[in-house]
Protein backbone atom coordinates (compact mmCIF):
# COMPACT_ATOMS: atom_id res chain seq x y z
CA MET A 1 -12.46 -2.43 -17.31
CA GLN A 2 -11.73 1.04 -17.56
CA THR A 3 -8.59 2.18 -17.22
CA ASP A 4 -9.52 4.70 -14.33
CA PRO A 5 -13.29 4.65 -13.87
CA PHE A 6 -12.92 6.38 -10.76
CA LYS A 7 -10.13 9.41 -11.85
CA GLU A 8 -13.32 11.75 -12.98
CA TYR A 9 -14.69 11.34 -8.87
CA LEU A 10 -11.54 12.96 -8.00
CA LYS A 11 -12.43 16.53 -9.90
CA GLN A 12 -16.08 15.96 -7.83
CA GLN A 13 -17.12 19.42 -6.23
CA GLU A 14 -19.14 17.62 -4.32
CA PRO A 15 -17.18 16.06 -1.31
CA ASP A 16 -18.84 12.90 -0.41
CA LYS A 17 -18.83 11.66 -4.12
CA LYS A 18 -14.84 12.90 -4.17
CA TYR A 19 -13.56 10.96 -1.07
CA LYS A 20 -15.62 7.95 -2.22
CA GLY A 21 -13.87 8.11 -5.25
CA TYR A 22 -10.41 8.06 -3.38
CA ALA A 23 -11.38 5.55 -1.24
CA TRP A 24 -12.21 3.34 -3.65
CA GLN A 25 -9.58 4.26 -6.62
CA THR A 26 -7.14 3.68 -3.57
CA ALA A 27 -8.58 0.50 -2.03
CA ILE A 28 -8.88 -1.10 -5.66
CA GLY A 29 -5.13 0.29 -6.80
CA LEU A 30 -3.61 -1.25 -3.92
CA GLN A 31 -4.15 -4.68 -5.11
CA ALA A 32 -1.64 -3.90 -7.63
CA VAL A 33 1.14 -4.83 -5.04
CA ASP A 34 0.14 -8.34 -4.84
CA GLY A 35 -0.04 -8.27 -8.46
CA LEU A 36 -4.27 -8.53 -7.98
CA LYS A 37 -6.86 -7.20 -10.22
CA PRO A 38 -10.29 -6.90 -9.35
CA SER A 39 -13.28 -7.63 -10.96
CA GLU A 40 -16.01 -5.66 -12.99
CA TYR A 41 -18.74 -6.91 -10.76
CA LEU A 42 -16.98 -4.83 -8.12
CA VAL A 43 -15.77 -1.64 -10.05
CA ASP A 44 -19.55 -0.98 -11.53
CA ALA A 45 -20.97 -1.68 -7.04
CA ALA A 46 -18.15 0.49 -6.12
CA ILE A 47 -19.38 3.58 -8.84
CA GLN A 48 -22.74 2.51 -7.43
CA ASN A 49 -21.80 3.37 -4.15
CA ILE A 50 -19.82 6.46 -4.61
CA GLU A 51 -23.25 7.95 -6.88
CA GLY A 52 -25.21 6.89 -3.41
CA LYS A 53 -27.39 4.18 -4.91
CA ILE A 54 -25.94 1.74 -2.34
CA THR A 55 -24.22 1.84 0.74
CA LEU A 56 -20.85 0.40 1.54
CA ASP A 57 -22.88 -2.53 3.54
CA GLU A 58 -24.83 -3.43 0.18
CA VAL A 59 -21.91 -3.70 -1.11
CA LYS A 60 -20.72 -6.06 0.58
CA ASN A 61 -23.69 -8.32 0.76
CA LEU A 62 -23.68 -8.11 -3.33
CA LEU A 63 -20.52 -9.25 -3.29
CA ASP A 64 -20.69 -12.41 -0.84
CA SER A 65 -24.02 -13.58 -2.72
CA TYR A 66 -21.94 -13.08 -6.07
CA TYR A 67 -19.04 -15.29 -4.55
CA GLU A 68 -21.55 -18.09 -3.33
CA GLU A 69 -23.24 -18.38 -6.76
CA LYS A 70 -19.86 -18.50 -8.27
CA PRO A 71 -17.12 -20.43 -6.58
CA GLN A 72 -13.53 -19.69 -7.48
CA LYS A 73 -11.14 -21.85 -8.59
CA ASN A 74 -8.12 -22.22 -5.99
CA HIS A 75 -5.64 -20.28 -8.20
CA ASP A 76 -7.87 -17.29 -8.74
CA ARG A 77 -7.59 -14.60 -6.78
CA THR A 78 -10.13 -11.99 -7.71
CA GLU A 79 -12.32 -12.80 -4.77
CA GLU A 80 -9.68 -11.85 -2.55
CA ALA A 81 -8.77 -8.43 -4.35
CA ASP A 82 -12.64 -8.25 -4.25
CA LYS A 83 -12.91 -8.05 -0.59
CA VAL A 84 -10.20 -6.80 0.67
CA SER A 85 -10.39 -3.86 -2.07
CA ILE A 86 -14.20 -3.18 -0.08
CA ARG A 87 -12.56 -3.69 3.02
CA ILE A 88 -10.30 -1.44 2.91
CA ALA A 89 -12.55 1.47 1.32
CA LYS A 90 -14.51 0.88 4.87
CA ILE A 91 -11.47 1.97 6.74
CA LEU A 92 -10.26 4.78 4.77
CA SER A 93 -13.63 6.09 4.61
CA GLU A 94 -13.95 5.89 8.50
CA HIS A 95 -12.11 9.05 10.89
CA ALA A 96 -11.71 6.72 13.62
CA PHE A 97 -7.79 5.90 14.80
CA SER A 98 -5.17 5.32 16.79
CA PHE A 99 -1.81 4.93 16.92
CA THR A 100 -0.67 2.03 18.51
CA PRO A 101 0.27 -1.67 17.48
CA ASN A 102 -2.87 -3.22 18.00
CA GLU A 103 -4.50 -1.10 15.85
CA TYR A 104 -2.28 -2.05 12.80
CA ILE A 105 -2.84 -5.35 14.32
CA SER A 106 -6.37 -4.95 13.74
CA ILE A 107 -5.96 -3.59 10.19
CA HIS A 108 -4.45 -6.87 8.80
CA ARG A 109 -7.03 -8.42 10.42
CA LYS A 110 -10.08 -6.66 9.52
CA LEU A 111 -8.42 -7.09 5.83
CA PHE A 112 -7.91 -10.60 5.20
CA THR A 113 -10.33 -11.98 7.90
CA GLY A 114 -11.88 -15.34 6.07
CA ILE A 115 -9.19 -15.39 3.68
CA TYR A 116 -5.94 -16.12 5.24
CA ASP A 117 -6.15 -18.39 8.20
CA HIS A 118 -3.20 -15.54 9.66
CA ALA A 119 -5.21 -12.61 9.76
CA GLY A 120 -4.36 -10.65 12.39
CA LYS A 121 -1.70 -12.98 13.90
CA ILE A 122 1.90 -12.19 14.47
CA ARG A 123 4.28 -14.80 11.95
CA ASP A 124 6.30 -17.17 14.09
CA TYR A 125 8.56 -18.46 11.38
CA ASN A 126 11.59 -16.50 9.59
CA ILE A 127 10.62 -15.77 5.80
CA THR A 128 12.33 -14.54 2.77
CA LYS A 129 10.75 -13.36 -0.81
CA LYS A 130 12.18 -13.05 -4.43
CA GLU A 131 12.07 -9.37 -5.17
CA TRP A 132 12.13 -8.11 -8.97
CA VAL A 133 13.88 -4.84 -7.98
CA LEU A 134 16.60 -6.89 -6.26
CA ASN A 135 16.80 -9.04 -9.16
CA GLY A 136 15.93 -12.12 -7.75
CA ALA A 137 17.78 -11.32 -4.04
CA THR A 138 15.66 -10.96 -0.52
CA VAL A 139 15.42 -8.33 1.93
CA ILE A 140 16.04 -8.85 5.08
CA TYR A 141 12.70 -9.14 7.14
CA GLY A 142 12.43 -9.00 11.19
CA SER A 143 13.37 -12.08 13.16
CA ALA A 144 9.88 -13.62 14.30
CA SER A 145 11.11 -14.08 18.04
CA GLU A 146 11.65 -10.31 17.91
CA LEU A 147 8.72 -8.87 15.50
CA ARG A 148 6.84 -7.57 18.80
CA LYS A 149 8.81 -6.14 20.50
CA THR A 150 10.34 -4.91 16.94
CA LEU A 151 6.75 -3.15 15.86
CA GLU A 152 6.26 -1.84 19.76
CA TYR A 153 9.73 0.00 19.85
CA ASP A 154 8.99 2.04 15.94
CA PHE A 155 5.85 2.95 17.60
CA MET A 156 6.82 4.36 20.98
CA LYS A 157 9.85 5.78 18.90
CA GLU A 158 7.37 7.69 16.45
CA LYS A 159 4.90 8.56 18.75
CA HIS A 160 7.71 10.77 20.92
CA TYR A 161 8.67 12.19 17.52
CA SER A 162 8.55 16.02 17.49
CA TYR A 163 8.21 17.35 13.78
CA LYS A 164 8.14 21.24 15.47
CA GLY A 165 10.32 22.83 13.45
CA LEU A 166 11.08 20.42 10.56
CA SER A 167 10.96 21.51 7.09
CA MET A 168 9.04 20.14 4.56
CA ASP A 169 11.84 18.20 3.20
CA GLU A 170 12.93 17.25 6.51
CA ILE A 171 9.30 15.48 7.42
CA ILE A 172 8.89 13.82 4.60
CA HIS A 173 12.42 12.09 5.09
CA HIS A 174 11.79 11.28 8.06
CA LEU A 175 8.06 9.69 7.11
CA ALA A 176 9.90 7.96 4.60
CA VAL A 177 12.37 6.31 7.58
CA PHE A 178 9.11 5.53 9.86
CA VAL A 179 7.15 3.56 6.89
CA ALA A 180 9.84 1.92 5.23
CA ASN A 181 11.50 0.58 8.72
CA LEU A 182 7.56 -0.33 9.85
CA TRP A 183 7.38 -2.11 6.75
CA GLN A 184 10.65 -3.52 6.86
CA ILE A 185 9.11 -6.00 10.50
CA HIS A 186 6.60 -7.66 7.79
CA ILE A 187 5.25 -9.25 11.12
CA PHE A 188 2.25 -10.95 9.12
CA GLY A 189 3.25 -13.94 6.82
CA GLU A 190 1.05 -12.27 3.76
CA GLY A 191 -0.76 -8.75 3.11
CA ASN A 192 2.14 -6.41 4.68
CA THR A 193 2.05 -4.08 2.16
CA ARG A 194 -1.96 -3.46 2.03
CA THR A 195 -1.98 -3.26 5.40
CA THR A 196 1.15 -0.94 6.05
CA ALA A 197 -0.45 1.31 2.99
CA VAL A 198 -3.69 1.55 5.11
CA PHE A 199 -2.33 2.25 8.21
CA PHE A 200 0.09 5.12 6.86
CA ILE A 201 -2.64 6.77 5.06
CA LYS A 202 -4.64 6.97 8.33
CA TYR A 203 -1.49 8.04 9.74
CA LEU A 204 -1.24 10.77 7.69
CA ARG A 205 -4.46 12.35 8.37
CA THR A 206 -3.75 12.86 11.80
CA LEU A 207 -0.62 15.01 10.98
CA GLY A 208 -2.98 17.09 8.90
CA PHE A 209 -1.85 15.67 5.49
CA ASP A 210 -4.98 14.99 2.90
CA ALA A 211 -3.29 12.91 0.22
CA THR A 212 -7.23 12.21 -0.81
CA ASN A 213 -5.01 11.85 -4.80
CA ASP A 214 -4.65 9.06 -7.32
CA ILE A 215 -1.28 8.56 -6.23
CA PHE A 216 -1.51 5.13 -4.43
CA ALA A 217 -3.84 3.95 -6.72
CA GLU A 218 -1.41 4.51 -9.84
CA ASN A 219 1.69 3.70 -8.25
CA ALA A 220 1.07 0.69 -5.63
CA TRP A 221 3.37 -1.72 -7.19
CA TYR A 222 6.40 1.45 -7.11
CA PHE A 223 5.52 2.03 -3.81
CA ARG A 224 6.47 -1.45 -2.71
CA ASN A 225 9.60 -1.66 -4.67
CA ALA A 226 10.21 2.11 -2.99
CA LEU A 227 10.24 0.18 0.04
CA VAL A 228 12.01 -2.73 -1.24
CA ARG A 229 15.14 0.08 -1.93
CA ALA A 230 14.99 1.20 1.78
CA ASN A 231 15.65 -2.19 3.04
CA TYR A 232 18.29 -3.37 1.13
CA ASN A 233 21.83 -3.62 1.36
CA ASP A 234 24.71 -5.41 -1.08
CA LEU A 235 27.98 -3.32 -0.49
CA LYS A 236 29.99 -6.18 -2.58
CA HIS A 237 27.51 -4.02 -5.41
CA GLU A 238 27.78 -0.64 -4.14
CA ILE A 239 24.15 -1.38 -2.96
CA HIS A 240 23.15 0.67 -0.55
CA GLU A 241 19.56 1.26 1.21
CA THR A 242 18.08 4.36 -0.37
CA THR A 243 14.60 6.31 0.90
CA GLU A 244 15.15 8.37 -2.51
CA TYR A 245 12.88 6.45 -4.30
CA LEU A 246 10.05 6.78 -1.39
CA GLU A 247 10.67 10.12 -0.86
CA LEU A 248 9.69 11.34 -4.51
CA PHE A 249 6.50 8.89 -3.87
CA LEU A 250 5.49 10.83 -0.86
CA ARG A 251 6.34 14.28 -2.31
CA ASN A 252 4.01 13.71 -5.17
CA LEU A 253 1.24 12.44 -2.50
CA LEU A 254 1.80 15.14 -0.19
CA LEU A 255 2.87 17.69 -1.79
CA ASP A 256 1.23 16.72 -5.11
CA GLU A 257 4.52 17.64 -7.31
CA LYS A 258 4.87 15.09 -10.53
CA ASN A 259 8.09 13.56 -9.73
CA LEU A 260 8.64 10.39 -12.24
CA LEU A 261 7.76 7.33 -10.77
CA GLN A 262 9.25 4.91 -13.22
CA ASN A 263 9.97 0.85 -11.24
CA ARG A 264 12.44 0.41 -13.53
CA LEU A 265 14.72 3.44 -12.51
CA MET A 266 14.69 1.42 -9.01
CA HIS A 267 16.32 -2.10 -10.51
CA VAL A 268 19.61 -2.84 -8.95
CA ASP A 269 20.59 -3.44 -12.37
CA TYR A 270 19.27 -0.44 -13.91
CA LYS A 271 22.53 1.09 -15.53
CA GLU A 272 23.38 -2.53 -16.52
CA MET A 273 20.04 -2.47 -18.31
CA LEU A 274 20.31 0.56 -19.98
CA VAL A 275 23.58 -0.67 -21.35
CA ARG A 276 21.92 -3.63 -23.07
CA GLU A 277 18.69 -1.73 -24.28
CA PRO A 278 19.79 -1.02 -27.90
CA LYS A 279 20.38 2.53 -29.23
CA ASN A 280 17.93 3.70 -32.08
CA ARG A 281 19.99 4.52 -34.88
CA ILE A 282 19.65 7.41 -36.72
């Protein structure tokens, strides 16, 4: 598979091809948050869609037939990556959107129906997840008994927030705090980051941000790790939650800045890692 078969479409003068290229590149790139990689079959079908040779519905039908004829092994999540990619591309291609908890839940249902039994369902159990960026520690996620109330509170708070008179730095910071808080709730058993990313992109459009570049596609894992660091404290070891990494990501996404986005810079042991790295002898 080519490293990035969609990049050329982002430079297209034809708006339709450019937008389709962005939607597909983002949809496929977001699979990296869960370590997934779509098939070459999907990439080829996506390119045909961008070129106007087949519709999104035809891509879906081709994909369904492909997996009916080629059943996957239980440990192979390529089918999940392919099917979720086309669903993300479809949602990003649609203009309809409402800033509500139900929309957020609906996006999860649309992305994961037939893949997860809990698609579109709020989890009823507490979770922990070992994070590489935290050296195996976990973020404290929302309590199962309070998920719906917490979600509704965050939406109500954001809905009534006024961006009027804010500088761009203040806007970026606020958006980072909002998306970090939304993600921390983790209302679903799986698929939270992909759902949050799709919802957030749609929300940004309502605020006048285009965001049709390759930042999400090429830095999906960075986005997830930045969300983790925005929600983790370990005061004993002088580690504090921070949105600085998310803000760098958003500045690249929304303002087309070129800030360095490297996952290892976020690692809680980054300074110790530097000490352990062998130095080149002169």
